[in-house]
Amino acid sequence: MVENLSSAERHNALKNLSGWKESEDGKSLTKTYIFSSFPQAFAFMTHVALYAEKVDHHPEWTNVYNKVHVTLITHESEGVSAKDIALALQMDEAAFAFLNPCMSDQSDLVF
């Protein structure tokens, strides 16, 4: 069984996650990514979807034009687990690569 992070563990992890917010009940994390275009947002989602499938942990998300709104929750434990933190970090790295293509090492991007 997957264990939820304690309040202190969540707050500590959020210090390393730019722009992520904790829900009032502490059971999920949210963030909205803004890209320059719909194709860039969709490419980001495709990249993350492939990673999420590989690690068997999937985000709840919506896409409207250039915005991707994400909610992370571990449904098995009905809260925030280390899986959510790992996925948030992966998503931030992918977003950075898409938003700053000349500034990032893209050798491990999977399409």
N, C-alpha and C. Protein backbone atom coordinates (compact mmCIF):
# COMPACT_ATOMS: atom_id res chain seq x y z
N MET A 1 0.84 -1.19 0.00
CA MET A 1 0.00 0.00 0.00
C MET A 1 0.89 1.25 0.00
N VAL A 2 0.44 2.23 -0.71
CA VAL A 2 1.16 3.50 -0.81
C VAL A 2 0.81 4.35 0.41
N GLU A 3 1.83 4.93 1.02
CA GLU A 3 1.64 5.78 2.21
C GLU A 3 1.53 7.24 1.80
N ASN A 4 0.61 7.96 2.42
CA ASN A 4 0.52 9.40 2.23
C ASN A 4 1.66 10.08 2.96
N LEU A 5 2.08 11.22 2.42
CA LEU A 5 3.08 12.02 3.10
C LEU A 5 2.43 12.76 4.26
N SER A 6 3.19 12.98 5.30
CA SER A 6 2.69 13.77 6.43
C SER A 6 2.62 15.24 6.01
N SER A 7 1.97 16.04 6.81
CA SER A 7 1.88 17.47 6.52
C SER A 7 3.27 18.09 6.41
N ALA A 8 4.15 17.74 7.32
CA ALA A 8 5.52 18.27 7.30
C ALA A 8 6.27 17.82 6.04
N GLU A 9 6.09 16.56 5.66
CA GLU A 9 6.74 16.06 4.45
C GLU A 9 6.22 16.76 3.19
N ARG A 10 4.91 16.99 3.13
CA ARG A 10 4.33 17.72 1.98
C ARG A 10 4.87 19.13 1.92
N HIS A 11 4.89 19.82 3.04
CA HIS A 11 5.38 21.21 3.05
C HIS A 11 6.85 21.29 2.68
N ASN A 12 7.63 20.34 3.14
CA ASN A 12 9.05 20.29 2.79
C ASN A 12 9.22 20.05 1.28
N ALA A 13 8.45 19.13 0.73
CA ALA A 13 8.53 18.84 -0.70
C ALA A 13 8.10 20.04 -1.54
N LEU A 14 7.10 20.76 -1.08
CA LEU A 14 6.60 21.92 -1.83
C LEU A 14 7.65 23.03 -1.94
N LYS A 15 8.61 23.05 -1.03
CA LYS A 15 9.69 24.03 -1.11
C LYS A 15 10.51 23.85 -2.38
N ASN A 16 10.53 22.63 -2.92
CA ASN A 16 11.29 22.32 -4.14
C ASN A 16 10.42 22.28 -5.39
N LEU A 17 9.15 22.64 -5.26
CA LEU A 17 8.22 22.58 -6.38
C LEU A 17 7.65 23.97 -6.64
N SER A 18 8.18 24.64 -7.61
CA SER A 18 7.76 26.00 -7.92
C SER A 18 6.35 26.04 -8.50
N GLY A 19 5.49 26.82 -7.87
CA GLY A 19 4.15 27.04 -8.40
C GLY A 19 3.11 26.01 -8.00
N TRP A 20 3.51 24.95 -7.36
CA TRP A 20 2.56 23.93 -6.91
C TRP A 20 1.89 24.39 -5.63
N LYS A 21 0.58 24.13 -5.53
CA LYS A 21 -0.20 24.50 -4.35
C LYS A 21 -0.85 23.25 -3.76
N GLU A 22 -0.94 23.24 -2.46
CA GLU A 22 -1.60 22.15 -1.76
C GLU A 22 -3.08 22.51 -1.57
N SER A 23 -3.96 21.53 -1.74
CA SER A 23 -5.38 21.78 -1.49
C SER A 23 -5.59 22.04 0.00
N GLU A 24 -6.73 22.64 0.34
CA GLU A 24 -7.00 22.97 1.74
C GLU A 24 -7.01 21.74 2.63
N ASP A 25 -7.50 20.61 2.10
CA ASP A 25 -7.55 19.39 2.91
C ASP A 25 -6.24 18.59 2.87
N GLY A 26 -5.25 19.07 2.09
CA GLY A 26 -3.95 18.41 2.03
C GLY A 26 -3.95 17.12 1.23
N LYS A 27 -5.02 16.87 0.47
CA LYS A 27 -5.13 15.59 -0.24
C LYS A 27 -4.72 15.66 -1.71
N SER A 28 -4.34 16.83 -2.19
CA SER A 28 -3.90 16.93 -3.59
C SER A 28 -3.00 18.15 -3.78
N LEU A 29 -2.30 18.15 -4.92
CA LEU A 29 -1.45 19.26 -5.33
C LEU A 29 -1.95 19.76 -6.68
N THR A 30 -1.89 21.07 -6.91
CA THR A 30 -2.34 21.62 -8.19
C THR A 30 -1.33 22.62 -8.74
N LYS A 31 -1.33 22.73 -10.06
CA LYS A 31 -0.51 23.72 -10.75
C LYS A 31 -1.09 23.95 -12.13
N THR A 32 -0.96 25.17 -12.63
CA THR A 32 -1.33 25.48 -14.00
C THR A 32 -0.08 25.89 -14.76
N TYR A 33 0.18 25.18 -15.85
CA TYR A 33 1.29 25.50 -16.75
C TYR A 33 0.73 26.35 -17.90
N ILE A 34 1.48 27.36 -18.31
CA ILE A 34 1.08 28.21 -19.44
C ILE A 34 2.18 28.15 -20.48
N PHE A 35 1.80 27.71 -21.67
CA PHE A 35 2.75 27.58 -22.78
C PHE A 35 2.47 28.65 -23.82
N SER A 36 3.30 28.73 -24.84
CA SER A 36 3.14 29.77 -25.86
C SER A 36 2.07 29.44 -26.88
N SER A 37 1.67 28.16 -26.95
CA SER A 37 0.69 27.77 -27.96
C SER A 37 0.03 26.46 -27.56
N PHE A 38 -1.06 26.13 -28.25
CA PHE A 38 -1.71 24.85 -28.04
C PHE A 38 -0.80 23.69 -28.41
N PRO A 39 -0.10 23.72 -29.57
CA PRO A 39 0.79 22.59 -29.88
C PRO A 39 1.86 22.36 -28.82
N GLN A 40 2.38 23.42 -28.24
CA GLN A 40 3.41 23.25 -27.20
C GLN A 40 2.79 22.62 -25.94
N ALA A 41 1.59 23.07 -25.56
CA ALA A 41 0.91 22.49 -24.40
C ALA A 41 0.60 21.01 -24.64
N PHE A 42 0.14 20.70 -25.84
CA PHE A 42 -0.21 19.32 -26.17
C PHE A 42 1.03 18.43 -26.21
N ALA A 43 2.13 18.96 -26.73
CA ALA A 43 3.39 18.19 -26.75
C ALA A 43 3.84 17.90 -25.32
N PHE A 44 3.72 18.88 -24.44
CA PHE A 44 4.06 18.69 -23.03
C PHE A 44 3.20 17.56 -22.44
N MET A 45 1.90 17.61 -22.70
CA MET A 45 1.00 16.59 -22.16
C MET A 45 1.35 15.20 -22.71
N THR A 46 1.70 15.14 -23.97
CA THR A 46 2.08 13.86 -24.57
C THR A 46 3.33 13.30 -23.90
N HIS A 47 4.30 14.17 -23.70
CA HIS A 47 5.54 13.75 -23.03
C HIS A 47 5.24 13.22 -21.63
N VAL A 48 4.45 13.97 -20.87
CA VAL A 48 4.12 13.56 -19.51
C VAL A 48 3.29 12.28 -19.50
N ALA A 49 2.37 12.16 -20.46
CA ALA A 49 1.53 10.96 -20.53
C ALA A 49 2.37 9.70 -20.71
N LEU A 50 3.39 9.77 -21.54
CA LEU A 50 4.26 8.62 -21.75
C LEU A 50 5.01 8.25 -20.48
N TYR A 51 5.49 9.28 -19.78
CA TYR A 51 6.17 9.03 -18.50
C TYR A 51 5.19 8.46 -17.47
N ALA A 52 4.01 9.05 -17.38
CA ALA A 52 3.01 8.62 -16.40
C ALA A 52 2.62 7.16 -16.63
N GLU A 53 2.49 6.78 -17.88
CA GLU A 53 2.15 5.39 -18.21
C GLU A 53 3.28 4.46 -17.77
N LYS A 54 4.50 4.90 -17.99
CA LYS A 54 5.67 4.09 -17.63
C LYS A 54 5.75 3.83 -16.13
N VAL A 55 5.42 4.84 -15.32
CA VAL A 55 5.51 4.69 -13.87
C VAL A 55 4.16 4.35 -13.23
N ASP A 56 3.12 4.21 -14.07
CA ASP A 56 1.77 3.85 -13.62
C ASP A 56 1.24 4.81 -12.56
N HIS A 57 1.41 6.09 -12.82
CA HIS A 57 0.85 7.13 -11.95
C HIS A 57 0.43 8.28 -12.85
N HIS A 58 -0.87 8.55 -12.91
CA HIS A 58 -1.42 9.45 -13.92
C HIS A 58 -2.01 10.71 -13.29
N PRO A 59 -1.76 11.86 -13.92
CA PRO A 59 -2.32 13.11 -13.40
C PRO A 59 -3.78 13.27 -13.80
N GLU A 60 -4.50 14.06 -13.02
CA GLU A 60 -5.80 14.56 -13.46
C GLU A 60 -5.47 15.91 -14.09
N TRP A 61 -5.92 16.14 -15.31
CA TRP A 61 -5.58 17.40 -15.95
C TRP A 61 -6.59 17.81 -16.99
N THR A 62 -6.57 19.10 -17.29
CA THR A 62 -7.38 19.65 -18.36
C THR A 62 -6.50 20.58 -19.19
N ASN A 63 -6.88 20.73 -20.44
CA ASN A 63 -6.13 21.58 -21.36
C ASN A 63 -7.10 22.52 -22.05
N VAL A 64 -6.84 23.81 -21.96
CA VAL A 64 -7.58 24.81 -22.71
C VAL A 64 -6.55 25.68 -23.41
N TYR A 65 -6.51 25.56 -24.73
CA TYR A 65 -5.56 26.23 -25.60
C TYR A 65 -4.13 26.05 -25.09
N ASN A 66 -3.53 27.09 -24.50
CA ASN A 66 -2.13 26.99 -24.10
C ASN A 66 -1.95 26.70 -22.61
N LYS A 67 -3.03 26.42 -21.91
CA LYS A 67 -2.95 26.17 -20.47
C LYS A 67 -3.23 24.71 -20.15
N VAL A 68 -2.44 24.18 -19.22
CA VAL A 68 -2.64 22.81 -18.73
C VAL A 68 -2.77 22.91 -17.21
N HIS A 69 -3.97 22.60 -16.71
CA HIS A 69 -4.21 22.61 -15.27
C HIS A 69 -4.08 21.18 -14.76
N VAL A 70 -3.26 20.99 -13.73
CA VAL A 70 -2.94 19.65 -13.23
C VAL A 70 -3.35 19.52 -11.77
N THR A 71 -3.92 18.38 -11.43
CA THR A 71 -4.16 17.98 -10.05
C THR A 71 -3.49 16.64 -9.85
N LEU A 72 -2.68 16.53 -8.81
CA LEU A 72 -2.02 15.27 -8.48
C LEU A 72 -2.56 14.74 -7.17
N ILE A 73 -2.97 13.49 -7.19
CA ILE A 73 -3.45 12.79 -6.01
C ILE A 73 -3.18 11.30 -6.23
N THR A 74 -2.82 10.62 -5.18
CA THR A 74 -2.67 9.17 -5.26
C THR A 74 -4.00 8.57 -4.83
N HIS A 75 -4.75 8.06 -5.80
CA HIS A 75 -6.10 7.57 -5.52
C HIS A 75 -6.09 6.36 -4.59
N GLU A 76 -5.06 5.53 -4.70
CA GLU A 76 -4.95 4.35 -3.85
C GLU A 76 -4.95 4.70 -2.37
N SER A 77 -4.31 5.82 -2.01
CA SER A 77 -4.22 6.23 -0.61
C SER A 77 -5.08 7.45 -0.31
N GLU A 78 -5.74 7.97 -1.33
CA GLU A 78 -6.62 9.15 -1.20
C GLU A 78 -5.90 10.35 -0.59
N GLY A 79 -4.67 10.58 -1.08
CA GLY A 79 -3.90 11.72 -0.60
C GLY A 79 -2.65 11.91 -1.43
N VAL A 80 -1.74 12.70 -0.90
CA VAL A 80 -0.48 13.00 -1.59
C VAL A 80 0.59 12.02 -1.11
N SER A 81 1.20 11.33 -2.07
CA SER A 81 2.28 10.39 -1.75
C SER A 81 3.55 10.82 -2.46
N ALA A 82 4.61 10.07 -2.23
CA ALA A 82 5.88 10.33 -2.91
C ALA A 82 5.73 10.23 -4.43
N LYS A 83 4.78 9.42 -4.89
CA LYS A 83 4.52 9.31 -6.33
C LYS A 83 4.11 10.66 -6.92
N ASP A 84 3.32 11.41 -6.18
CA ASP A 84 2.87 12.73 -6.65
C ASP A 84 4.03 13.71 -6.72
N ILE A 85 4.89 13.67 -5.73
CA ILE A 85 6.05 14.56 -5.72
C ILE A 85 6.97 14.23 -6.90
N ALA A 86 7.21 12.95 -7.13
CA ALA A 86 8.07 12.54 -8.25
C ALA A 86 7.46 12.96 -9.59
N LEU A 87 6.14 12.82 -9.74
CA LEU A 87 5.50 13.22 -10.99
C LEU A 87 5.53 14.74 -11.15
N ALA A 88 5.33 15.47 -10.07
CA ALA A 88 5.40 16.93 -10.13
C ALA A 88 6.80 17.39 -10.57
N LEU A 89 7.83 16.78 -10.02
CA LEU A 89 9.19 17.13 -10.42
C LEU A 89 9.43 16.82 -11.89
N GLN A 90 8.96 15.66 -12.35
CA GLN A 90 9.10 15.29 -13.75
C GLN A 90 8.37 16.27 -14.66
N MET A 91 7.17 16.67 -14.25
CA MET A 91 6.39 17.61 -15.05
C MET A 91 7.09 18.97 -15.12
N ASP A 92 7.65 19.41 -14.00
CA ASP A 92 8.37 20.69 -14.00
C ASP A 92 9.59 20.64 -14.92
N GLU A 93 10.31 19.52 -14.89
CA GLU A 93 11.46 19.37 -15.78
C GLU A 93 11.04 19.38 -17.24
N ALA A 94 9.96 18.69 -17.56
CA ALA A 94 9.46 18.67 -18.93
C ALA A 94 9.00 20.06 -19.36
N ALA A 95 8.28 20.76 -18.50
CA ALA A 95 7.81 22.11 -18.83
C ALA A 95 8.99 23.03 -19.08
N PHE A 96 10.01 22.93 -18.25
CA PHE A 96 11.20 23.76 -18.44
C PHE A 96 11.81 23.50 -19.81
N ALA A 97 11.90 22.24 -20.18
CA ALA A 97 12.49 21.88 -21.48
C ALA A 97 11.67 22.45 -22.63
N PHE A 98 10.35 22.42 -22.52
CA PHE A 98 9.50 22.95 -23.58
C PHE A 98 9.52 24.47 -23.63
N LEU A 99 9.63 25.09 -22.47
CA LEU A 99 9.60 26.56 -22.42
C LEU A 99 10.96 27.19 -22.66
N ASN A 100 12.03 26.42 -22.48
CA ASN A 100 13.40 26.93 -22.64
C ASN A 100 14.23 25.94 -23.45
N PRO A 101 13.88 25.73 -24.70
CA PRO A 101 14.53 24.66 -25.47
C PRO A 101 16.03 24.82 -25.64
N CYS A 102 16.54 26.02 -25.65
CA CYS A 102 17.98 26.22 -25.83
C CYS A 102 18.75 26.12 -24.53
N MET A 103 18.04 26.10 -23.41
CA MET A 103 18.69 26.13 -22.10
C MET A 103 18.68 24.78 -21.42
N SER A 104 18.11 23.76 -22.05
CA SER A 104 17.98 22.50 -21.33
C SER A 104 18.58 21.35 -22.14
N ASP A 105 18.97 20.33 -21.42
CA ASP A 105 19.47 19.11 -22.04
C ASP A 105 18.26 18.28 -22.44
N GLN A 106 18.04 18.11 -23.72
CA GLN A 106 16.87 17.38 -24.19
C GLN A 106 17.21 15.97 -24.65
N SER A 107 18.36 15.48 -24.29
CA SER A 107 18.80 14.18 -24.77
C SER A 107 17.92 13.02 -24.29
N ASP A 108 17.22 13.20 -23.16
CA ASP A 108 16.41 12.09 -22.66
C ASP A 108 14.91 12.28 -22.87
N LEU A 109 14.50 13.29 -23.64
CA LEU A 109 13.07 13.49 -23.91
C LEU A 109 12.57 12.35 -24.78
N VAL A 110 11.38 11.85 -24.44
CA VAL A 110 10.78 10.75 -25.18
C VAL A 110 9.55 11.26 -25.91
N PHE A 111 9.49 11.02 -27.19
CA PHE A 111 8.31 11.42 -27.97
C PHE A 111 7.72 10.21 -28.66
